[in-house]
């Protein structure tokens, strides 16, 4: 059995509530549910497949990971290289 990362909190009368984080292919998604899908739909309206897309503030890379799957070339940018989890994706760092 694989241990999952869950936040457990107790509320009177001590009912255990578990919050399971929103994830995409193992990467934590901090955006509201559906935001990534809506953003991709908008990108598809304005950019042809195989266009280059840069994400500013990529975090762990959960959103930018979805774009190559839809045919886009990607570059991610962020300020903390330790939080970026994608291998094989170009990451630009800024300070």
N, C-alpha and C. Protein backbone atom coordinates (compact mmCIF):
# COMPACT_ATOMS: atom_id res chain seq x y z
N UNK A 1 0.84 -1.18 0.00
CA UNK A 1 0.00 0.00 0.00
C UNK A 1 0.88 1.24 0.00
N UNK A 2 0.58 2.18 -0.84
CA UNK A 2 1.34 3.42 -0.95
C UNK A 2 0.73 4.45 -0.02
N UNK A 3 1.58 5.08 0.78
CA UNK A 3 1.10 6.13 1.69
C UNK A 3 0.81 7.39 0.90
N UNK A 4 -0.30 8.00 1.16
CA UNK A 4 -0.67 9.24 0.49
C UNK A 4 -0.48 10.40 1.43
N UNK A 5 -0.17 11.54 0.86
CA UNK A 5 -0.01 12.76 1.63
C UNK A 5 -1.38 13.37 1.86
N UNK A 6 -1.90 13.30 3.08
CA UNK A 6 -3.23 13.82 3.37
C UNK A 6 -3.18 14.70 4.60
N UNK A 7 -3.92 15.77 4.57
CA UNK A 7 -4.08 16.62 5.74
C UNK A 7 -5.32 16.14 6.48
N UNK A 8 -5.16 15.82 7.74
CA UNK A 8 -6.27 15.33 8.54
C UNK A 8 -6.55 16.35 9.63
N UNK A 9 -7.80 16.71 9.76
CA UNK A 9 -8.17 17.65 10.82
C UNK A 9 -9.35 17.09 11.60
N UNK A 10 -9.39 17.44 12.86
CA UNK A 10 -10.48 16.99 13.72
C UNK A 10 -11.43 18.15 13.98
N UNK A 11 -12.70 17.90 13.86
CA UNK A 11 -13.73 18.89 14.15
C UNK A 11 -14.69 18.28 15.15
N UNK A 12 -15.21 19.07 16.07
CA UNK A 12 -16.20 18.52 17.00
C UNK A 12 -17.37 17.95 16.22
N UNK A 13 -17.88 16.82 16.52
CA UNK A 13 -17.50 15.89 17.59
C UNK A 13 -16.39 14.94 17.17
N UNK A 14 -15.25 15.45 16.78
CA UNK A 14 -14.05 14.69 16.44
C UNK A 14 -14.27 13.74 15.27
N UNK A 15 -14.83 14.26 14.22
CA UNK A 15 -14.98 13.52 12.97
C UNK A 15 -13.73 13.77 12.15
N UNK A 16 -13.14 12.72 11.64
CA UNK A 16 -11.92 12.88 10.84
C UNK A 16 -12.31 13.29 9.43
N UNK A 17 -11.80 14.44 9.01
CA UNK A 17 -12.00 14.96 7.66
C UNK A 17 -10.67 14.90 6.94
N UNK A 18 -10.65 14.33 5.75
CA UNK A 18 -9.42 14.25 4.99
C UNK A 18 -9.54 15.10 3.74
N UNK A 19 -8.51 15.91 3.52
CA UNK A 19 -8.46 16.73 2.32
C UNK A 19 -7.41 16.14 1.40
N UNK A 20 -7.84 15.67 0.25
CA UNK A 20 -6.92 15.09 -0.73
C UNK A 20 -6.57 16.18 -1.73
N UNK A 21 -5.27 16.47 -1.90
CA UNK A 21 -4.90 17.55 -2.81
C UNK A 21 -5.25 17.23 -4.26
N UNK A 22 -5.56 18.29 -5.01
CA UNK A 22 -5.82 18.18 -6.43
C UNK A 22 -4.47 17.92 -7.11
N UNK A 23 -4.36 16.81 -7.86
CA UNK A 23 -3.09 16.46 -8.50
C UNK A 23 -3.31 16.15 -9.98
N UNK A 24 -2.23 16.30 -10.75
CA UNK A 24 -2.23 15.90 -12.15
C UNK A 24 -0.94 15.12 -12.38
N UNK A 25 -1.07 13.85 -12.65
CA UNK A 25 0.07 12.96 -12.87
C UNK A 25 1.10 13.08 -11.76
N UNK A 26 0.62 13.13 -10.54
CA UNK A 26 1.50 13.16 -9.38
C UNK A 26 2.00 14.53 -8.97
N UNK A 27 1.67 15.57 -9.72
CA UNK A 27 2.09 16.93 -9.37
C UNK A 27 0.94 17.67 -8.73
N UNK A 28 1.20 18.35 -7.66
CA UNK A 28 0.18 19.11 -6.93
C UNK A 28 -0.31 20.27 -7.79
N UNK A 29 -1.61 20.43 -7.88
CA UNK A 29 -2.24 21.52 -8.61
C UNK A 29 -2.78 22.51 -7.59
N UNK A 30 -2.31 23.74 -7.65
CA UNK A 30 -2.75 24.76 -6.71
C UNK A 30 -3.88 25.62 -7.27
N UNK A 31 -4.15 25.50 -8.56
CA UNK A 31 -5.24 26.24 -9.19
C UNK A 31 -6.57 25.59 -8.84
N UNK A 32 -7.63 26.35 -8.94
CA UNK A 32 -8.97 25.82 -8.70
C UNK A 32 -9.27 24.73 -9.74
N UNK A 33 -10.09 23.75 -9.38
CA UNK A 33 -10.44 22.69 -10.34
C UNK A 33 -11.02 23.28 -11.63
N UNK A 34 -10.53 22.78 -12.76
CA UNK A 34 -11.02 23.21 -14.05
C UNK A 34 -10.26 24.37 -14.68
N UNK A 35 -9.43 25.07 -13.91
CA UNK A 35 -8.72 26.24 -14.44
C UNK A 35 -7.73 25.83 -15.54
N UNK A 36 -6.99 24.75 -15.33
CA UNK A 36 -6.03 24.31 -16.35
C UNK A 36 -6.73 23.94 -17.66
N UNK A 37 -7.82 23.23 -17.56
CA UNK A 37 -8.56 22.83 -18.77
C UNK A 37 -9.10 24.05 -19.50
N UNK A 38 -9.60 25.02 -18.76
CA UNK A 38 -10.14 26.24 -19.38
C UNK A 38 -9.02 27.04 -20.04
N UNK A 39 -7.87 27.12 -19.40
CA UNK A 39 -6.74 27.83 -19.99
C UNK A 39 -6.28 27.17 -21.29
N UNK A 40 -6.25 25.86 -21.31
CA UNK A 40 -5.86 25.15 -22.54
C UNK A 40 -6.88 25.39 -23.64
N UNK A 41 -8.15 25.42 -23.31
CA UNK A 41 -9.19 25.71 -24.32
C UNK A 41 -8.98 27.11 -24.91
N UNK A 42 -8.61 28.07 -24.08
CA UNK A 42 -8.35 29.43 -24.57
C UNK A 42 -7.10 29.46 -25.45
N UNK A 43 -6.05 28.77 -25.02
CA UNK A 43 -4.82 28.71 -25.82
C UNK A 43 -5.11 28.12 -27.19
N UNK A 44 -5.92 27.08 -27.24
CA UNK A 44 -6.26 26.45 -28.52
C UNK A 44 -7.00 27.39 -29.47
N UNK A 45 -7.73 28.37 -28.91
CA UNK A 45 -8.45 29.33 -29.75
C UNK A 45 -7.49 30.28 -30.46
N UNK A 46 -6.33 30.55 -29.86
CA UNK A 46 -5.44 31.58 -30.39
C UNK A 46 -4.12 31.08 -30.95
N UNK A 47 -3.71 29.88 -30.60
CA UNK A 47 -2.42 29.37 -31.06
C UNK A 47 -2.59 28.07 -31.82
N UNK A 48 -1.82 27.95 -32.89
CA UNK A 48 -1.84 26.71 -33.65
C UNK A 48 -1.04 25.65 -32.89
N UNK A 49 -1.36 24.39 -33.16
CA UNK A 49 -0.60 23.30 -32.56
C UNK A 49 0.86 23.45 -32.98
N UNK A 50 1.77 23.09 -32.11
CA UNK A 50 3.21 23.19 -32.28
C UNK A 50 3.75 24.60 -31.99
N UNK A 51 2.88 25.51 -31.56
CA UNK A 51 3.34 26.85 -31.16
C UNK A 51 4.12 26.73 -29.86
N UNK A 52 4.93 27.74 -29.58
CA UNK A 52 5.68 27.78 -28.32
C UNK A 52 4.89 28.55 -27.28
N UNK A 53 4.85 27.99 -26.07
CA UNK A 53 4.12 28.60 -24.96
C UNK A 53 5.07 28.72 -23.78
N UNK A 54 5.10 29.88 -23.14
CA UNK A 54 5.88 30.06 -21.92
C UNK A 54 4.92 30.27 -20.76
N UNK A 55 5.19 29.58 -19.66
CA UNK A 55 4.40 29.78 -18.46
C UNK A 55 5.26 30.52 -17.45
N UNK A 56 4.78 31.65 -17.00
CA UNK A 56 5.47 32.44 -16.00
C UNK A 56 4.91 32.05 -14.63
N UNK A 57 5.79 31.65 -13.74
CA UNK A 57 5.35 31.18 -12.42
C UNK A 57 4.85 29.76 -12.49
N UNK A 58 5.67 28.85 -13.01
CA UNK A 58 5.24 27.48 -13.29
C UNK A 58 5.07 26.61 -12.05
N UNK A 59 5.59 27.01 -10.92
CA UNK A 59 5.47 26.18 -9.72
C UNK A 59 6.07 24.81 -9.95
N UNK A 60 5.34 23.76 -9.63
CA UNK A 60 5.83 22.39 -9.82
C UNK A 60 5.76 21.96 -11.28
N UNK A 61 4.95 22.63 -12.09
CA UNK A 61 4.86 22.32 -13.51
C UNK A 61 3.62 21.54 -13.93
N UNK A 62 2.62 21.47 -13.07
CA UNK A 62 1.42 20.68 -13.39
C UNK A 62 0.68 21.22 -14.62
N UNK A 63 0.61 22.53 -14.78
CA UNK A 63 -0.08 23.08 -15.95
C UNK A 63 0.75 22.90 -17.21
N UNK A 64 2.02 23.27 -17.14
CA UNK A 64 2.87 23.22 -18.33
C UNK A 64 3.05 21.78 -18.81
N UNK A 65 2.89 20.80 -17.92
CA UNK A 65 2.98 19.40 -18.30
C UNK A 65 1.86 19.02 -19.27
N UNK A 66 0.72 19.66 -19.18
CA UNK A 66 -0.42 19.32 -20.03
C UNK A 66 -0.25 19.79 -21.48
N UNK A 67 0.52 20.85 -21.69
CA UNK A 67 0.59 21.44 -23.03
C UNK A 67 1.28 20.56 -24.08
N UNK A 68 2.42 19.91 -23.80
CA UNK A 68 2.98 19.03 -24.83
C UNK A 68 2.03 17.91 -25.23
N UNK A 69 1.18 17.49 -24.31
CA UNK A 69 0.21 16.44 -24.60
C UNK A 69 -0.83 16.91 -25.62
N UNK A 70 -0.98 18.23 -25.76
CA UNK A 70 -1.92 18.78 -26.74
C UNK A 70 -1.20 19.34 -27.96
N UNK A 71 0.14 19.11 -28.03
CA UNK A 71 0.89 19.48 -29.23
C UNK A 71 1.67 20.78 -29.17
N UNK A 72 1.81 21.39 -28.00
CA UNK A 72 2.54 22.66 -27.89
C UNK A 72 3.96 22.44 -27.37
N UNK A 73 4.86 23.32 -27.77
CA UNK A 73 6.22 23.35 -27.23
C UNK A 73 6.19 24.27 -26.02
N UNK A 74 6.87 23.90 -24.96
CA UNK A 74 6.75 24.67 -23.73
C UNK A 74 8.09 25.10 -23.14
N UNK A 75 8.04 26.24 -22.46
CA UNK A 75 9.13 26.74 -21.63
C UNK A 75 8.47 27.20 -20.35
N UNK A 76 9.06 26.82 -19.22
CA UNK A 76 8.51 27.21 -17.93
C UNK A 76 9.46 28.19 -17.26
N UNK A 77 8.92 29.12 -16.49
CA UNK A 77 9.76 30.04 -15.73
C UNK A 77 9.28 30.07 -14.29
N UNK A 78 10.21 30.35 -13.41
CA UNK A 78 9.86 30.41 -12.00
C UNK A 78 11.02 30.96 -11.20
N UNK A 79 10.80 31.11 -9.91
CA UNK A 79 11.86 31.66 -9.07
C UNK A 79 12.52 30.61 -8.19
N UNK A 80 11.93 29.41 -8.09
CA UNK A 80 12.49 28.39 -7.22
C UNK A 80 12.68 27.08 -7.98
N UNK A 81 13.91 26.80 -8.41
CA UNK A 81 14.15 25.57 -9.18
C UNK A 81 13.87 24.30 -8.39
N UNK A 82 13.87 24.38 -7.05
CA UNK A 82 13.62 23.20 -6.24
C UNK A 82 12.17 22.74 -6.29
N UNK A 83 11.24 23.63 -6.64
CA UNK A 83 9.83 23.23 -6.68
C UNK A 83 9.43 22.67 -8.04
N UNK A 84 10.24 22.90 -9.06
CA UNK A 84 9.89 22.45 -10.40
C UNK A 84 10.20 20.97 -10.52
N UNK A 85 9.20 20.17 -10.83
CA UNK A 85 9.32 18.72 -10.76
C UNK A 85 9.46 18.02 -12.12
N UNK A 86 9.34 18.74 -13.22
CA UNK A 86 9.35 18.09 -14.53
C UNK A 86 10.75 17.93 -15.07
N UNK A 87 11.05 16.74 -15.50
CA UNK A 87 12.33 16.47 -16.14
C UNK A 87 12.11 16.53 -17.65
N UNK A 88 13.09 16.99 -18.38
CA UNK A 88 12.99 17.06 -19.82
C UNK A 88 12.21 18.26 -20.32
N UNK A 89 11.92 19.20 -19.45
CA UNK A 89 11.23 20.43 -19.83
C UNK A 89 12.17 21.58 -19.53
N UNK A 90 12.26 22.51 -20.43
CA UNK A 90 13.16 23.65 -20.25
C UNK A 90 12.60 24.59 -19.21
N UNK A 91 13.43 24.94 -18.23
CA UNK A 91 13.00 25.83 -17.15
C UNK A 91 13.92 27.03 -17.08
N UNK A 92 13.36 28.22 -17.13
CA UNK A 92 14.11 29.45 -16.96
C UNK A 92 13.88 29.94 -15.54
N UNK A 93 14.94 30.33 -14.87
CA UNK A 93 14.82 30.82 -13.50
C UNK A 93 15.02 32.31 -13.46
N UNK A 94 14.27 32.98 -12.62
CA UNK A 94 14.47 34.40 -12.44
C UNK A 94 14.57 34.68 -10.95
N UNK A 95 15.23 35.78 -10.64
CA UNK A 95 15.41 36.12 -9.23
C UNK A 95 14.81 37.49 -8.97
